[in-house]
Amino acid sequence: MKYIAFIVAGLTLAACETTTRTTVVAPATCEAGPYQTWIGKDSASLSGMQTPYTLRIIRPNQPVTLDFNPSRLNVETDAKGVITAVRCG
């Protein structure tokens, strides 16, 4: 009987435990303007690049989803890997 009392007490204390979670929230919409300076640069230079947006590099003839994601930054390249456009979506 004492064993059951310890289990119940332990479960009760576990239920009172609080946890904190840290979440990173992406901006609701991206702003492609500041990233227009990337046009003409090699897309390899974006390796490890940190942006507040989801970054998607799109190469020629690469299949991509057609869903619109306002917090995604699309970087389009030519066949040589040179960035030709930076857009939201």
PDB file of N, CA and C in Angstrom:
ATOM      1  N   MET A   1       0.822  -1.194   0.000  1.00  0.00           N
ATOM      2  CA  MET A   1       0.000   0.000   0.000  1.00  0.00           C
ATOM      3  C   MET A   1       0.867   1.259   0.000  1.00  0.00           C
ATOM      4  N   LYS A   2       1.976   1.205   0.761  1.00  0.00           N
ATOM      5  CA  LYS A   2       2.873   2.358   0.787  1.00  0.00           C
ATOM      6  C   LYS A   2       3.462   2.606  -0.599  1.00  0.00           C
ATOM      7  N   TYR A   3       3.701   1.526  -1.331  1.00  0.00           N
ATOM      8  CA  TYR A   3       4.274   1.638  -2.672  1.00  0.00           C
ATOM      9  C   TYR A   3       3.330   2.413  -3.599  1.00  0.00           C
ATOM     10  N   ILE A   4       2.056   2.143  -3.520  1.00  0.00           N
ATOM     11  CA  ILE A   4       1.061   2.841  -4.336  1.00  0.00           C
ATOM     12  C   ILE A   4       0.996   4.308  -3.940  1.00  0.00           C
ATOM     13  N   ALA A   5       1.113   4.602  -2.649  1.00  0.00           N
ATOM     14  CA  ALA A   5       1.087   5.986  -2.186  1.00  0.00           C
ATOM     15  C   ALA A   5       2.270   6.763  -2.747  1.00  0.00           C
ATOM     16  N   PHE A   6       3.442   6.144  -2.833  1.00  0.00           N
ATOM     17  CA  PHE A   6       4.616   6.807  -3.425  1.00  0.00           C
ATOM     18  C   PHE A   6       4.407   7.084  -4.908  1.00  0.00           C
ATOM     19  N   ILE A   7       3.811   6.146  -5.620  1.00  0.00           N
ATOM     20  CA  ILE A   7       3.557   6.333  -7.060  1.00  0.00           C
ATOM     21  C   ILE A   7       2.582   7.479  -7.274  1.00  0.00           C
ATOM     22  N   VAL A   8       1.506   7.499  -6.497  1.00  0.00           N
ATOM     23  CA  VAL A   8       0.513   8.571  -6.634  1.00  0.00           C
ATOM     24  C   VAL A   8       1.147   9.918  -6.303  1.00  0.00           C
ATOM     25  N   ALA A   9       1.952   9.979  -5.253  1.00  0.00           N
ATOM     26  CA  ALA A   9       2.615  11.227  -4.875  1.00  0.00           C
ATOM     27  C   ALA A   9       3.564  11.675  -5.978  1.00  0.00           C
ATOM     28  N   GLY A  10       4.290  10.727  -6.560  1.00  0.00           N
ATOM     29  CA  GLY A  10       5.218  11.059  -7.644  1.00  0.00           C
ATOM     30  C   GLY A  10       4.497  11.589  -8.871  1.00  0.00           C
ATOM     31  N   LEU A  11       3.385  10.974  -9.217  1.00  0.00           N
ATOM     32  CA  LEU A  11       2.608  11.438 -10.371  1.00  0.00           C
ATOM     33  C   LEU A  11       2.015  12.823 -10.110  1.00  0.00           C
ATOM     34  N   THR A  12       1.603  13.057  -8.899  1.00  0.00           N
ATOM     35  CA  THR A  12       1.047  14.365  -8.547  1.00  0.00           C
ATOM     36  C   THR A  12       2.109  15.445  -8.679  1.00  0.00           C
ATOM     37  N   LEU A  13       3.321  15.179  -8.202  1.00  0.00           N
ATOM     38  CA  LEU A  13       4.400  16.154  -8.320  1.00  0.00           C
ATOM     39  C   LEU A  13       4.790  16.362  -9.776  1.00  0.00           C
ATOM     40  N   ALA A  14       4.794  15.303 -10.555  1.00  0.00           N
ATOM     41  CA  ALA A  14       5.147  15.422 -11.971  1.00  0.00           C
ATOM     42  C   ALA A  14       4.122  16.281 -12.704  1.00  0.00           C
ATOM     43  N   ALA A  15       2.875  16.198 -12.317  1.00  0.00           N
ATOM     44  CA  ALA A  15       1.828  16.988 -12.960  1.00  0.00           C
ATOM     45  C   ALA A  15       1.987  18.468 -12.650  1.00  0.00           C
ATOM     46  N   CYS A  16       2.611  18.810 -11.536  1.00  0.00           N
ATOM     47  CA  CYS A  16       2.795  20.200 -11.144  1.00  0.00           C
ATOM     48  C   CYS A  16       4.040  20.822 -11.766  1.00  0.00           C
ATOM     49  N   GLU A  17       4.867  20.007 -12.374  1.00  0.00           N
ATOM     50  CA  GLU A  17       6.114  20.506 -12.959  1.00  0.00           C
ATOM     51  C   GLU A  17       5.812  21.427 -14.143  1.00  0.00           C
ATOM     52  N   THR A  18       6.500  22.542 -14.199  1.00  0.00           N
ATOM     53  CA  THR A  18       6.299  23.473 -15.304  1.00  0.00           C
ATOM     54  C   THR A  18       7.474  23.381 -16.266  1.00  0.00           C
ATOM     55  N   THR A  19       7.183  23.583 -17.518  1.00  0.00           N
ATOM     56  CA  THR A  19       8.236  23.582 -18.526  1.00  0.00           C
ATOM     57  C   THR A  19       8.140  24.866 -19.325  1.00  0.00           C
ATOM     58  N   THR A  20       9.269  25.315 -19.803  1.00  0.00           N
ATOM     59  CA  THR A  20       9.280  26.485 -20.662  1.00  0.00           C
ATOM     60  C   THR A  20       9.810  26.065 -22.016  1.00  0.00           C
ATOM     61  N   ARG A  21       9.216  26.578 -23.055  1.00  0.00           N
ATOM     62  CA  ARG A  21       9.637  26.260 -24.405  1.00  0.00           C
ATOM     63  C   ARG A  21       9.986  27.544 -25.129  1.00  0.00           C
ATOM     64  N   THR A  22      11.050  27.475 -25.885  1.00  0.00           N
ATOM     65  CA  THR A  22      11.445  28.604 -26.706  1.00  0.00           C
ATOM     66  C   THR A  22      11.149  28.245 -28.148  1.00  0.00           C
ATOM     67  N   THR A  23      10.369  29.076 -28.805  1.00  0.00           N
ATOM     68  CA  THR A  23      10.059  28.824 -30.206  1.00  0.00           C
ATOM     69  C   THR A  23      10.536  29.999 -31.037  1.00  0.00           C
ATOM     70  N   VAL A  24      11.015  29.680 -32.207  1.00  0.00           N
ATOM     71  CA  VAL A  24      11.442  30.711 -33.143  1.00  0.00           C
ATOM     72  C   VAL A  24      10.312  30.895 -34.136  1.00  0.00           C
ATOM     73  N   VAL A  25       9.819  32.104 -34.225  1.00  0.00           N
ATOM     74  CA  VAL A  25       8.703  32.390 -35.113  1.00  0.00           C
ATOM     75  C   VAL A  25       9.218  33.158 -36.315  1.00  0.00           C
ATOM     76  N   ALA A  26       8.939  32.628 -37.495  1.00  0.00           N
ATOM     77  CA  ALA A  26       9.343  33.312 -38.726  1.00  0.00           C
ATOM     78  C   ALA A  26       8.433  34.516 -38.946  1.00  0.00           C
ATOM     79  N   PRO A  27       8.948  35.565 -39.551  1.00  0.00           N
ATOM     80  CA  PRO A  27       8.115  36.720 -39.842  1.00  0.00           C
ATOM     81  C   PRO A  27       6.930  36.334 -40.720  1.00  0.00           C
ATOM     82  N   ALA A  28       5.834  37.060 -40.610  1.00  0.00           N
ATOM     83  CA  ALA A  28       4.630  36.749 -41.375  1.00  0.00           C
ATOM     84  C   ALA A  28       4.864  36.913 -42.875  1.00  0.00           C
ATOM     85  N   THR A  29       5.594  37.921 -43.260  1.00  0.00           N
ATOM     86  CA  THR A  29       5.895  38.123 -44.678  1.00  0.00           C
ATOM     87  C   THR A  29       7.368  38.469 -44.830  1.00  0.00           C
ATOM     88  N   CYS A  30       7.925  38.057 -45.952  1.00  0.00           N
ATOM     89  CA  CYS A  30       9.338  38.369 -46.161  1.00  0.00           C
ATOM     90  C   CYS A  30       9.477  39.726 -46.851  1.00  0.00           C
ATOM     91  N   GLU A  31      10.646  40.258 -46.780  1.00  0.00           N
ATOM     92  CA  GLU A  31      10.989  41.497 -47.469  1.00  0.00           C
ATOM     93  C   GLU A  31      12.200  41.185 -48.336  1.00  0.00           C
ATOM     94  N   ALA A  32      11.977  41.061 -49.636  1.00  0.00           N
ATOM     95  CA  ALA A  32      13.047  40.668 -50.551  1.00  0.00           C
ATOM     96  C   ALA A  32      13.958  41.838 -50.915  1.00  0.00           C
ATOM     97  N   GLY A  33      13.525  43.051 -50.666  1.00  0.00           N
ATOM     98  CA  GLY A  33      14.288  44.239 -51.049  1.00  0.00           C
ATOM     99  C   GLY A  33      15.746  44.240 -50.616  1.00  0.00           C
ATOM    100  N   PRO A  34      16.027  44.003 -49.345  1.00  0.00           N
ATOM    101  CA  PRO A  34      17.420  44.040 -48.901  1.00  0.00           C
ATOM    102  C   PRO A  34      18.301  42.952 -49.528  1.00  0.00           C
ATOM    103  N   TYR A  35      17.685  41.915 -50.070  1.00  0.00           N
ATOM    104  CA  TYR A  35      18.445  40.800 -50.626  1.00  0.00           C
ATOM    105  C   TYR A  35      18.675  40.929 -52.136  1.00  0.00           C
ATOM    106  N   GLN A  36      18.231  42.018 -52.733  1.00  0.00           N
ATOM    107  CA  GLN A  36      18.442  42.223 -54.172  1.00  0.00           C
ATOM    108  C   GLN A  36      19.927  42.383 -54.507  1.00  0.00           C
ATOM    109  N   THR A  37      20.735  42.686 -53.519  1.00  0.00           N
ATOM    110  CA  THR A  37      22.181  42.808 -53.748  1.00  0.00           C
ATOM    111  C   THR A  37      22.817  41.455 -54.058  1.00  0.00           C
ATOM    112  N   TRP A  38      22.096  40.364 -53.808  1.00  0.00           N
ATOM    113  CA  TRP A  38      22.600  39.035 -54.113  1.00  0.00           C
ATOM    114  C   TRP A  38      22.608  38.754 -55.617  1.00  0.00           C
ATOM    115  N   ILE A  39      21.780  39.481 -56.367  1.00  0.00           N
ATOM    116  CA  ILE A  39      21.667  39.232 -57.811  1.00  0.00           C
ATOM    117  C   ILE A  39      23.031  39.454 -58.465  1.00  0.00           C
ATOM    118  N   GLY A  40      23.424  38.480 -59.289  1.00  0.00           N
ATOM    119  CA  GLY A  40      24.716  38.533 -59.962  1.00  0.00           C
ATOM    120  C   GLY A  40      25.821  37.797 -59.226  1.00  0.00           C
ATOM    121  N   LYS A  41      25.558  37.385 -57.982  1.00  0.00           N
ATOM    122  CA  LYS A  41      26.564  36.653 -57.200  1.00  0.00           C
ATOM    123  C   LYS A  41      26.357  35.152 -57.368  1.00  0.00           C
ATOM    124  N   ASP A  42      27.402  34.392 -57.065  1.00  0.00           N
ATOM    125  CA  ASP A  42      27.337  32.935 -57.133  1.00  0.00           C
ATOM    126  C   ASP A  42      26.475  32.419 -55.981  1.00  0.00           C
ATOM    127  N   SER A  43      25.570  31.498 -56.285  1.00  0.00           N
ATOM    128  CA  SER A  43      24.684  30.970 -55.243  1.00  0.00           C
ATOM    129  C   SER A  43      25.453  30.174 -54.188  1.00  0.00           C
ATOM    130  N   ALA A  44      26.650  29.717 -54.491  1.00  0.00           N
ATOM    131  CA  ALA A  44      27.474  29.005 -53.505  1.00  0.00           C
ATOM    132  C   ALA A  44      27.825  29.920 -52.333  1.00  0.00           C
ATOM    133  N   SER A  45      27.800  31.228 -52.553  1.00  0.00           N
ATOM    134  CA  SER A  45      28.109  32.169 -51.472  1.00  0.00           C
ATOM    135  C   SER A  45      27.017  32.197 -50.403  1.00  0.00           C
ATOM    136  N   LEU A  46      25.864  31.582 -50.695  1.00  0.00           N
ATOM    137  CA  LEU A  46      24.762  31.557 -49.729  1.00  0.00           C
ATOM    138  C   LEU A  46      24.876  30.398 -48.746  1.00  0.00           C
ATOM    139  N   SER A  47      25.847  29.532 -48.942  1.00  0.00           N
ATOM    140  CA  SER A  47      26.025  28.391 -48.055  1.00  0.00           C
ATOM    141  C   SER A  47      26.245  28.877 -46.623  1.00  0.00           C
ATOM    142  N   GLY A  48      25.374  28.447 -45.730  1.00  0.00           N
ATOM    143  CA  GLY A  48      25.475  28.848 -44.329  1.00  0.00           C
ATOM    144  C   GLY A  48      24.909  30.224 -44.038  1.00  0.00           C
ATOM    145  N   MET A  49      24.305  30.857 -45.033  1.00  0.00           N
ATOM    146  CA  MET A  49      23.732  32.197 -44.869  1.00  0.00           C
ATOM    147  C   MET A  49      22.548  32.140 -43.906  1.00  0.00           C
ATOM    148  N   GLN A  50      22.503  33.059 -42.959  1.00  0.00           N
ATOM    149  CA  GLN A  50      21.414  33.152 -41.998  1.00  0.00           C
ATOM    150  C   GLN A  50      20.463  34.264 -42.411  1.00  0.00           C
ATOM    151  N   THR A  51      19.191  33.936 -42.565  1.00  0.00           N
ATOM    152  CA  THR A  51      18.155  34.932 -42.833  1.00  0.00           C
ATOM    153  C   THR A  51      16.989  34.649 -41.894  1.00  0.00           C
ATOM    154  N   PRO A  52      16.157  35.637 -41.631  1.00  0.00           N
ATOM    155  CA  PRO A  52      14.997  35.376 -40.782  1.00  0.00           C
ATOM    156  C   PRO A  52      13.897  34.626 -41.528  1.00  0.00           C
ATOM    157  N   TYR A  53      14.130  34.310 -42.788  1.00  0.00           N
ATOM    158  CA  TYR A  53      13.141  33.651 -43.627  1.00  0.00           C
ATOM    159  C   TYR A  53      13.629  32.270 -44.037  1.00  0.00           C
ATOM    160  N   THR A  54      12.688  31.435 -44.443  1.00  0.00           N
ATOM    161  CA  THR A  54      13.052  30.154 -45.032  1.00  0.00           C
ATOM    162  C   THR A  54      13.652  30.460 -46.391  1.00  0.00           C
ATOM    163  N   LEU A  55      14.814  29.926 -46.668  1.00  0.00           N
ATOM    164  CA  LEU A  55      15.535  30.220 -47.905  1.00  0.00           C
ATOM    165  C   LEU A  55      15.429  29.028 -48.842  1.00  0.00           C
ATOM    166  N   ARG A  56      14.964  29.288 -50.086  1.00  0.00           N
ATOM    167  CA  ARG A  56      14.850  28.224 -51.083  1.00  0.00           C
ATOM    168  C   ARG A  56      15.598  28.662 -52.328  1.00  0.00           C
ATOM    169  N   ILE A  57      16.581  27.866 -52.743  1.00  0.00           N
ATOM    170  CA  ILE A  57      17.335  28.152 -53.957  1.00  0.00           C
ATOM    171  C   ILE A  57      16.720  27.329 -55.080  1.00  0.00           C
ATOM    172  N   ILE A  58      16.337  28.007 -56.152  1.00  0.00           N
ATOM    173  CA  ILE A  58      15.682  27.363 -57.283  1.00  0.00           C
ATOM    174  C   ILE A  58      16.608  27.428 -58.489  1.00  0.00           C
ATOM    175  N   ARG A  59      16.993  26.256 -58.978  1.00  0.00           N
ATOM    176  CA  ARG A  59      17.869  26.168 -60.143  1.00  0.00           C
ATOM    177  C   ARG A  59      17.032  25.923 -61.398  1.00  0.00           C
ATOM    178  N   PRO A  60      17.566  26.165 -62.588  1.00  0.00           N
ATOM    179  CA  PRO A  60      16.796  25.964 -63.823  1.00  0.00           C
ATOM    180  C   PRO A  60      16.250  24.536 -63.928  1.00  0.00           C
ATOM    181  N   ASN A  61      15.014  24.442 -64.372  1.00  0.00           N
ATOM    182  CA  ASN A  61      14.316  23.168 -64.588  1.00  0.00           C
ATOM    183  C   ASN A  61      14.158  22.335 -63.320  1.00  0.00           C
ATOM    184  N   GLN A  62      14.333  22.940 -62.179  1.00  0.00           N
ATOM    185  CA  GLN A  62      14.146  22.233 -60.908  1.00  0.00           C
ATOM    186  C   GLN A  62      12.665  22.258 -60.552  1.00  0.00           C
ATOM    187  N   PRO A  63      12.068  21.114 -60.259  1.00  0.00           N
ATOM    188  CA  PRO A  63      10.664  21.132 -59.844  1.00  0.00           C
ATOM    189  C   PRO A  63      10.521  21.771 -58.467  1.00  0.00           C
ATOM    190  N   VAL A  64       9.529  22.609 -58.323  1.00  0.00           N
ATOM    191  CA  VAL A  64       9.254  23.253 -57.036  1.00  0.00           C
ATOM    192  C   VAL A  64       7.759  23.186 -56.763  1.00  0.00           C
ATOM    193  N   THR A  65       7.413  23.266 -55.510  1.00  0.00           N
ATOM    194  CA  THR A  65       6.000  23.302 -55.152  1.00  0.00           C
ATOM    195  C   THR A  65       5.431  24.657 -55.539  1.00  0.00           C
ATOM    196  N   LEU A  66       4.154  24.685 -55.835  1.00  0.00           N
ATOM    197  CA  LEU A  66       3.514  25.936 -56.248  1.00  0.00           C
ATOM    198  C   LEU A  66       2.797  26.624 -55.102  1.00  0.00           C
ATOM    199  N   ASP A  67       2.937  26.100 -53.892  1.00  0.00           N
ATOM    200  CA  ASP A  67       2.300  26.746 -52.750  1.00  0.00           C
ATOM    201  C   ASP A  67       2.978  28.083 -52.465  1.00  0.00           C
ATOM    202  N   PHE A  68       2.192  29.040 -52.023  1.00  0.00           N
ATOM    203  CA  PHE A  68       2.736  30.355 -51.685  1.00  0.00           C
ATOM    204  C   PHE A  68       2.996  30.388 -50.195  1.00  0.00           C
ATOM    205  N   ASN A  69       4.228  30.689 -49.832  1.00  0.00           N
ATOM    206  CA  ASN A  69       4.621  30.809 -48.434  1.00  0.00           C
ATOM    207  C   ASN A  69       5.178  32.218 -48.250  1.00  0.00           C
ATOM    208  N   PRO A  70       4.420  33.118 -47.633  1.00  0.00           N
ATOM    209  CA  PRO A  70       4.852  34.513 -47.526  1.00  0.00           C
ATOM    210  C   PRO A  70       6.111  34.729 -46.693  1.00  0.00           C
ATOM    211  N   SER A  71       6.520  33.732 -45.920  1.00  0.00           N
ATOM    212  CA  SER A  71       7.742  33.891 -45.127  1.00  0.00           C
ATOM    213  C   SER A  71       8.921  33.152 -45.758  1.00  0.00           C
ATOM    214  N   ARG A  72       8.802  32.812 -47.041  1.00  0.00           N
ATOM    215  CA  ARG A  72       9.886  32.105 -47.736  1.00  0.00           C
ATOM    216  C   ARG A  72      10.541  33.050 -48.731  1.00  0.00           C
ATOM    217  N   LEU A  73      11.864  33.008 -48.787  1.00  0.00           N
ATOM    218  CA  LEU A  73      12.651  33.809 -49.716  1.00  0.00           C
ATOM    219  C   LEU A  73      13.160  32.879 -50.816  1.00  0.00           C
ATOM    220  N   ASN A  74      12.667  33.073 -52.047  1.00  0.00           N
ATOM    221  CA  ASN A  74      13.080  32.266 -53.183  1.00  0.00           C
ATOM    222  C   ASN A  74      14.239  32.941 -53.899  1.00  0.00           C
ATOM    223  N   VAL A  75      15.299  32.185 -54.104  1.00  0.00           N
ATOM    224  CA  VAL A  75      16.476  32.675 -54.818  1.00  0.00           C
ATOM    225  C   VAL A  75      16.590  31.861 -56.098  1.00  0.00           C
ATOM    226  N   GLU A  76      16.444  32.517 -57.246  1.00  0.00           N
ATOM    227  CA  GLU A  76      16.510  31.827 -58.532  1.00  0.00           C
ATOM    228  C   GLU A  76      17.902  32.006 -59.130  1.00  0.00           C
ATOM    229  N   THR A  77      18.403  30.924 -59.745  1.00  0.00           N
ATOM    230  CA  THR A  77      19.737  30.962 -60.339  1.00  0.00           C
ATOM    231  C   THR A  77      19.680  30.559 -61.814  1.00  0.00           C
ATOM    232  N   ASP A  78      20.752  30.874 -62.532  1.00  0.00           N
ATOM    233  CA  ASP A  78      20.874  30.386 -63.906  1.00  0.00           C
ATOM    234  C   ASP A  78      21.632  29.065 -63.892  1.00  0.00           C
ATOM    235  N   ALA A  79      21.923  28.525 -65.062  1.00  0.00           N
ATOM    236  CA  ALA A  79      22.587  27.221 -65.171  1.00  0.00           C
ATOM    237  C   ALA A  79      23.984  27.223 -64.553  1.00  0.00           C
ATOM    238  N   LYS A  80      24.616  28.375 -64.475  1.00  0.00           N
ATOM    239  CA  LYS A  80      25.967  28.463 -63.902  1.00  0.00           C
ATOM    240  C   LYS A  80      25.949  28.686 -62.389  1.00  0.00           C
ATOM    241  N   GLY A  81      24.753  28.835 -61.807  1.00  0.00           N
ATOM    242  CA  GLY A  81      24.646  29.050 -60.361  1.00  0.00           C
ATOM    243  C   GLY A  81      24.661  30.508 -59.965  1.00  0.00           C
ATOM    244  N   VAL A  82      24.572  31.412 -60.952  1.00  0.00           N
ATOM    245  CA  VAL A  82      24.545  32.851 -60.667  1.00  0.00           C
ATOM    246  C   VAL A  82      23.106  33.250 -60.321  1.00  0.00           C
ATOM    247  N   ILE A  83      22.943  33.998 -59.254  1.00  0.00           N
ATOM    248  CA  ILE A  83      21.616  34.412 -58.805  1.00  0.00           C
ATOM    249  C   ILE A  83      21.040  35.421 -59.796  1.00  0.00           C
ATOM    250  N   THR A  84      19.810  35.120 -60.271  1.00  0.00           N
ATOM    251  CA  THR A  84      19.150  35.978 -61.251  1.00  0.00           C
ATOM    252  C   THR A  84      17.943  36.717 -60.671  1.00  0.00           C
ATOM    253  N   ALA A  85      17.372  36.214 -59.567  1.00  0.00           N
ATOM    254  CA  ALA A  85      16.200  36.861 -58.968  1.00  0.00           C
ATOM    255  C   ALA A  85      16.075  36.443 -57.513  1.00  0.00           C
ATOM    256  N   VAL A  86      15.529  37.356 -56.715  1.00  0.00           N
ATOM    257  CA  VAL A  86      15.214  37.082 -55.300  1.00  0.00           C
ATOM    258  C   VAL A  86      13.800  37.584 -55.069  1.00  0.00           C
ATOM    259  N   ARG A  87      12.922  36.648 -54.682  1.00  0.00           N
ATOM    260  CA  ARG A  87      11.498  36.987 -54.509  1.00  0.00           C
ATOM    261  C   ARG A  87      10.956  36.318 -53.264  1.00  0.00           C
ATOM    262  N   CYS A  88       9.842  36.830 -52.783  1.00  0.00           N
ATOM    263  CA  CYS A  88       9.116  36.201 -51.681  1.00  0.00           C
ATOM    264  C   CYS A  88       8.169  35.171 -52.261  1.00  0.00           C
ATOM    265  N   GLY A  89       7.846  34.199 -51.482  1.00  0.00           N
ATOM    266  CA  GLY A  89       6.822  33.261 -51.916  1.00  0.00           C
ATOM    267  C   GLY A  89       7.188  31.875 -51.708  1.00  0.00           C
TER     268      GLY A  89
END
